[in-house]
N, C-alpha and C. Protein backbone atom coordinates (compact mmCIF):
# COMPACT_ATOMS: atom_id res chain seq x y z
N MET A 1 183.53 128.48 69.38
CA MET A 1 183.20 129.88 69.30
C MET A 1 183.88 130.47 68.06
N ALA A 2 183.13 131.14 67.27
CA ALA A 2 183.64 131.72 66.03
C ALA A 2 184.38 133.02 66.31
N ALA A 3 185.43 133.25 65.56
CA ALA A 3 186.19 134.50 65.69
C ALA A 3 185.48 135.59 64.91
N ALA A 4 185.47 136.77 65.48
CA ALA A 4 184.85 137.92 64.80
C ALA A 4 185.77 138.38 63.67
N ILE A 5 185.17 138.68 62.55
CA ILE A 5 185.92 139.21 61.42
C ILE A 5 185.88 140.72 61.52
N HIS A 6 187.06 141.31 61.53
CA HIS A 6 187.15 142.77 61.67
C HIS A 6 187.76 143.36 60.41
N THR A 7 187.07 144.28 59.83
CA THR A 7 187.59 145.00 58.67
C THR A 7 188.13 146.32 59.17
N PRO A 8 189.43 146.56 59.00
CA PRO A 8 189.98 147.83 59.46
C PRO A 8 189.36 149.01 58.72
N SER A 9 189.20 150.12 59.42
CA SER A 9 188.69 151.34 58.81
C SER A 9 189.68 152.47 59.04
N VAL A 10 189.73 153.37 58.07
CA VAL A 10 190.54 154.57 58.20
C VAL A 10 189.69 155.77 57.83
N GLU A 11 190.07 156.91 58.37
CA GLU A 11 189.43 158.16 57.97
C GLU A 11 190.46 158.94 57.18
N ALA A 12 190.05 159.42 56.04
CA ALA A 12 190.98 160.14 55.16
C ALA A 12 190.38 161.46 54.71
N THR A 13 191.18 162.49 54.75
CA THR A 13 190.82 163.76 54.13
C THR A 13 191.51 163.74 52.78
N VAL A 14 190.72 163.87 51.72
CA VAL A 14 191.26 163.73 50.37
C VAL A 14 190.74 164.83 49.46
N ALA A 15 191.50 165.10 48.42
CA ALA A 15 191.05 165.96 47.33
C ALA A 15 190.82 165.02 46.15
N VAL A 16 189.61 165.03 45.62
CA VAL A 16 189.23 164.12 44.55
C VAL A 16 188.76 164.92 43.34
N ARG A 17 189.36 164.66 42.18
CA ARG A 17 188.93 165.33 40.95
C ARG A 17 187.74 164.56 40.37
N VAL A 18 186.62 165.26 40.23
CA VAL A 18 185.40 164.67 39.67
C VAL A 18 185.12 165.35 38.34
N SER A 19 185.05 164.55 37.29
CA SER A 19 184.79 165.08 35.95
C SER A 19 183.43 165.74 35.89
N GLN A 20 183.34 166.83 35.14
CA GLN A 20 182.04 167.48 34.96
C GLN A 20 181.09 166.61 34.15
N ALA A 21 181.63 165.62 33.44
CA ALA A 21 180.81 164.70 32.65
C ALA A 21 180.35 163.49 33.47
N ALA A 22 180.77 163.39 34.72
CA ALA A 22 180.40 162.25 35.56
C ALA A 22 178.90 162.26 35.84
N THR A 23 178.34 161.05 35.95
CA THR A 23 176.92 160.95 36.27
C THR A 23 176.73 161.10 37.77
N GLY A 24 175.55 161.58 38.16
CA GLY A 24 175.25 161.76 39.57
C GLY A 24 175.77 163.08 40.10
N ASP A 25 175.70 163.21 41.41
CA ASP A 25 176.17 164.45 42.04
C ASP A 25 177.65 164.32 42.42
N LEU A 26 178.19 165.36 43.03
CA LEU A 26 179.62 165.37 43.37
C LEU A 26 179.97 164.33 44.44
N VAL A 27 179.04 164.07 45.35
CA VAL A 27 179.30 163.04 46.37
C VAL A 27 179.44 161.68 45.70
N ALA A 28 178.52 161.37 44.78
CA ALA A 28 178.57 160.09 44.07
C ALA A 28 179.83 160.00 43.21
N GLY A 29 180.22 161.10 42.59
CA GLY A 29 181.43 161.13 41.77
C GLY A 29 182.68 160.90 42.60
N ALA A 30 182.76 161.54 43.77
CA ALA A 30 183.92 161.37 44.64
C ALA A 30 183.98 159.95 45.18
N ARG A 31 182.82 159.41 45.57
CA ARG A 31 182.75 158.03 46.06
C ARG A 31 183.23 157.06 44.99
N ALA A 32 182.73 157.22 43.77
CA ALA A 32 183.10 156.33 42.67
C ALA A 32 184.60 156.40 42.37
N GLN A 33 185.16 157.59 42.41
CA GLN A 33 186.59 157.76 42.13
C GLN A 33 187.43 157.04 43.17
N ILE A 34 187.05 157.16 44.45
CA ILE A 34 187.80 156.49 45.52
C ILE A 34 187.62 154.98 45.43
N GLU A 35 186.41 154.52 45.15
CA GLU A 35 186.14 153.08 45.13
C GLU A 35 186.73 152.38 43.91
N ARG A 36 187.29 153.12 42.98
CA ARG A 36 188.03 152.50 41.87
C ARG A 36 189.36 151.93 42.36
N ILE A 37 189.77 152.33 43.54
CA ILE A 37 191.04 151.86 44.11
C ILE A 37 190.79 150.51 44.77
N ASP A 38 191.53 149.50 44.32
CA ASP A 38 191.38 148.14 44.86
C ASP A 38 191.56 148.11 46.36
N GLY A 39 190.67 147.38 47.03
CA GLY A 39 190.79 147.15 48.46
C GLY A 39 190.18 148.22 49.34
N LEU A 40 189.60 149.27 48.75
CA LEU A 40 188.99 150.33 49.55
C LEU A 40 187.51 150.47 49.20
N ARG A 41 186.69 150.64 50.24
CA ARG A 41 185.26 150.87 50.05
C ARG A 41 184.87 152.05 50.94
N VAL A 42 184.11 152.98 50.39
CA VAL A 42 183.68 154.16 51.13
C VAL A 42 182.49 153.79 52.01
N GLU A 43 182.66 153.96 53.32
CA GLU A 43 181.56 153.74 54.26
C GLU A 43 180.75 155.02 54.41
N GLU A 44 181.45 156.12 54.58
CA GLU A 44 180.82 157.44 54.72
C GLU A 44 181.69 158.45 54.01
N ILE A 45 181.03 159.48 53.48
CA ILE A 45 181.80 160.56 52.84
C ILE A 45 181.05 161.87 53.06
N GLU A 46 181.82 162.90 53.38
CA GLU A 46 181.24 164.23 53.62
C GLU A 46 182.08 165.25 52.85
N ILE A 47 181.41 166.09 52.10
CA ILE A 47 182.08 167.12 51.32
C ILE A 47 182.48 168.27 52.24
N ALA A 48 183.75 168.66 52.17
CA ALA A 48 184.26 169.74 53.02
C ALA A 48 184.56 171.00 52.22
N GLY A 49 184.65 170.87 50.89
CA GLY A 49 184.93 172.04 50.06
C GLY A 49 184.95 171.69 48.59
N LEU A 50 184.88 172.71 47.75
CA LEU A 50 184.87 172.54 46.29
C LEU A 50 185.80 173.55 45.65
N ARG A 51 186.45 173.12 44.55
CA ARG A 51 187.25 174.02 43.73
C ARG A 51 186.90 173.72 42.27
N PRO A 52 186.08 174.56 41.65
CA PRO A 52 185.72 174.31 40.26
C PRO A 52 186.91 174.49 39.33
N GLY A 53 186.95 173.67 38.29
CA GLY A 53 187.99 173.76 37.28
C GLY A 53 187.36 173.74 35.90
N LEU A 54 188.17 173.81 34.88
CA LEU A 54 187.68 173.83 33.52
C LEU A 54 186.99 172.53 33.13
N ASN A 55 187.63 171.38 33.42
CA ASN A 55 187.08 170.09 33.02
C ASN A 55 186.62 169.23 34.18
N ASP A 56 186.96 169.62 35.38
CA ASP A 56 186.56 168.84 36.54
C ASP A 56 186.40 169.76 37.75
N THR A 57 185.84 169.20 38.80
CA THR A 57 185.70 169.90 40.07
C THR A 57 186.50 169.12 41.09
N THR A 58 187.34 169.82 41.84
CA THR A 58 188.07 169.16 42.91
C THR A 58 187.22 169.22 44.16
N VAL A 59 186.89 168.04 44.66
CA VAL A 59 186.06 167.90 45.85
C VAL A 59 186.98 167.60 47.03
N GLU A 60 186.93 168.43 48.02
CA GLU A 60 187.66 168.15 49.26
C GLU A 60 186.67 167.42 50.15
N ALA A 61 187.06 166.20 50.58
CA ALA A 61 186.13 165.36 51.32
C ALA A 61 186.81 164.67 52.49
N VAL A 62 185.99 164.32 53.48
CA VAL A 62 186.43 163.48 54.58
C VAL A 62 185.66 162.18 54.42
N ALA A 63 186.41 161.09 54.27
CA ALA A 63 185.78 159.79 54.00
C ALA A 63 186.25 158.76 55.02
N THR A 64 185.31 157.93 55.46
CA THR A 64 185.64 156.75 56.25
C THR A 64 185.68 155.59 55.28
N LEU A 65 186.82 154.91 55.25
CA LEU A 65 187.05 153.86 54.27
C LEU A 65 187.22 152.51 54.96
N ALA A 66 186.53 151.49 54.44
CA ALA A 66 186.74 150.12 54.90
C ALA A 66 187.86 149.54 54.06
N VAL A 67 188.77 148.86 54.72
CA VAL A 67 189.91 148.26 54.04
C VAL A 67 189.63 146.78 53.88
N GLY A 68 189.50 146.33 52.63
CA GLY A 68 189.18 144.95 52.34
C GLY A 68 190.40 144.05 52.40
N GLU A 69 190.13 142.74 52.51
CA GLU A 69 191.21 141.75 52.55
C GLU A 69 192.07 141.80 51.31
N GLU A 70 191.46 142.13 50.16
CA GLU A 70 192.22 142.16 48.91
C GLU A 70 193.29 143.24 48.92
N ALA A 71 193.24 144.14 49.91
CA ALA A 71 194.27 145.18 50.01
C ALA A 71 195.58 144.59 50.54
N GLY A 72 195.51 143.36 51.08
CA GLY A 72 196.72 142.70 51.57
C GLY A 72 197.29 143.38 52.80
N LEU A 73 196.43 143.88 53.66
CA LEU A 73 196.89 144.61 54.84
C LEU A 73 196.72 143.78 56.10
N ASN A 74 197.62 143.94 57.03
CA ASN A 74 197.56 143.27 58.32
C ASN A 74 196.90 144.23 59.31
N GLU A 75 195.70 143.88 59.77
CA GLU A 75 194.96 144.80 60.63
C GLU A 75 195.62 145.01 61.99
N ASP A 76 196.55 144.15 62.37
CA ASP A 76 197.21 144.30 63.67
C ASP A 76 198.28 145.40 63.66
N ALA A 77 198.74 145.76 62.51
CA ALA A 77 199.80 146.75 62.40
C ALA A 77 199.19 148.08 61.96
N GLU A 78 198.74 148.87 62.93
CA GLU A 78 198.01 150.12 62.64
C GLU A 78 198.78 151.05 61.71
N GLU A 79 200.05 151.26 61.99
CA GLU A 79 200.83 152.18 61.17
C GLU A 79 200.96 151.65 59.75
N PHE A 80 201.11 150.33 59.60
CA PHE A 80 201.22 149.72 58.29
C PHE A 80 199.94 149.93 57.50
N VAL A 81 198.78 149.75 58.13
CA VAL A 81 197.49 149.94 57.46
C VAL A 81 197.38 151.38 56.97
N VAL A 82 197.66 152.32 57.82
CA VAL A 82 197.55 153.75 57.47
C VAL A 82 198.49 154.09 56.32
N ASP A 83 199.74 153.62 56.40
CA ASP A 83 200.70 153.90 55.33
C ASP A 83 200.28 153.30 54.00
N ARG A 84 199.81 152.05 54.03
CA ARG A 84 199.39 151.37 52.80
C ARG A 84 198.16 152.05 52.19
N VAL A 85 197.21 152.46 53.01
CA VAL A 85 196.02 153.14 52.49
C VAL A 85 196.43 154.48 51.89
N ARG A 86 197.31 155.21 52.56
CA ARG A 86 197.81 156.48 52.03
C ARG A 86 198.45 156.27 50.66
N GLU A 87 199.27 155.21 50.54
CA GLU A 87 199.92 154.89 49.26
C GLU A 87 198.89 154.55 48.18
N ARG A 88 197.90 153.74 48.54
CA ARG A 88 196.87 153.35 47.57
C ARG A 88 196.08 154.57 47.10
N LEU A 89 195.72 155.45 48.03
CA LEU A 89 195.00 156.67 47.66
C LEU A 89 195.84 157.53 46.73
N ALA A 90 197.12 157.70 47.07
CA ALA A 90 198.01 158.53 46.25
C ALA A 90 198.20 157.95 44.86
N ASP A 91 198.16 156.63 44.75
CA ASP A 91 198.31 155.98 43.45
C ASP A 91 197.03 156.00 42.63
N GLY A 92 195.89 156.29 43.29
CA GLY A 92 194.61 156.33 42.59
C GLY A 92 194.51 157.55 41.70
N PHE A 93 193.94 157.37 40.52
CA PHE A 93 193.81 158.47 39.58
C PHE A 93 192.87 159.54 40.13
N GLY A 94 193.34 160.78 40.17
CA GLY A 94 192.50 161.90 40.59
C GLY A 94 192.24 161.98 42.07
N VAL A 95 193.04 161.28 42.89
CA VAL A 95 192.85 161.28 44.34
C VAL A 95 194.15 161.70 45.00
N ASP A 96 194.07 162.69 45.90
CA ASP A 96 195.25 163.19 46.61
C ASP A 96 194.96 163.17 48.10
N PRO A 97 195.56 162.22 48.84
CA PRO A 97 195.32 162.16 50.28
C PRO A 97 196.04 163.28 51.02
N GLU A 98 195.33 163.92 51.93
CA GLU A 98 195.93 164.96 52.75
C GLU A 98 196.19 164.46 54.16
N ARG A 99 195.27 163.65 54.68
CA ARG A 99 195.40 163.09 56.04
C ARG A 99 194.76 161.71 56.03
N VAL A 100 195.44 160.74 56.63
CA VAL A 100 194.91 159.38 56.76
C VAL A 100 195.22 158.90 58.16
N GLU A 101 194.20 158.42 58.88
CA GLU A 101 194.43 157.87 60.21
C GLU A 101 193.45 156.74 60.49
N ARG A 102 193.82 155.86 61.37
CA ARG A 102 193.01 154.68 61.72
C ARG A 102 191.80 155.10 62.54
N VAL A 103 190.68 154.46 62.31
CA VAL A 103 189.45 154.69 63.07
C VAL A 103 189.24 153.47 63.94
N GLU A 104 189.00 153.68 65.21
CA GLU A 104 188.76 152.57 66.12
C GLU A 104 187.37 152.01 65.90
N PRO A 105 187.24 150.68 65.83
CA PRO A 105 185.92 150.07 65.66
C PRO A 105 185.06 150.30 66.90
N PRO A 106 183.73 150.42 66.72
CA PRO A 106 182.85 150.59 67.88
C PRO A 106 182.85 149.33 68.72
N ASP A 107 182.69 149.49 70.03
CA ASP A 107 182.66 148.32 70.94
C ASP A 107 181.38 147.57 70.82
């Protein structure tokens, strides 16, 4: 019997700076900015607010993120996953995490 492969997911409320010169819409720009961070992939993203600026727009978004193996995270340690994802988001250019929490996989 094969073991199921589980990719941990987290939900994060983030502020993402999207350049006014970026291609696509603000959702695509926010998604691209987050996905530049190694080990994270956006599963879903919803815009919760906007703050226009001179050179960029700050998009407040709620995103469900899949955490890849390359992130080097242990899926059994929930607090560790959340802390590491928060750190990765904070280290990402133009991304400011406000809330990060684990999402339970569907049964």
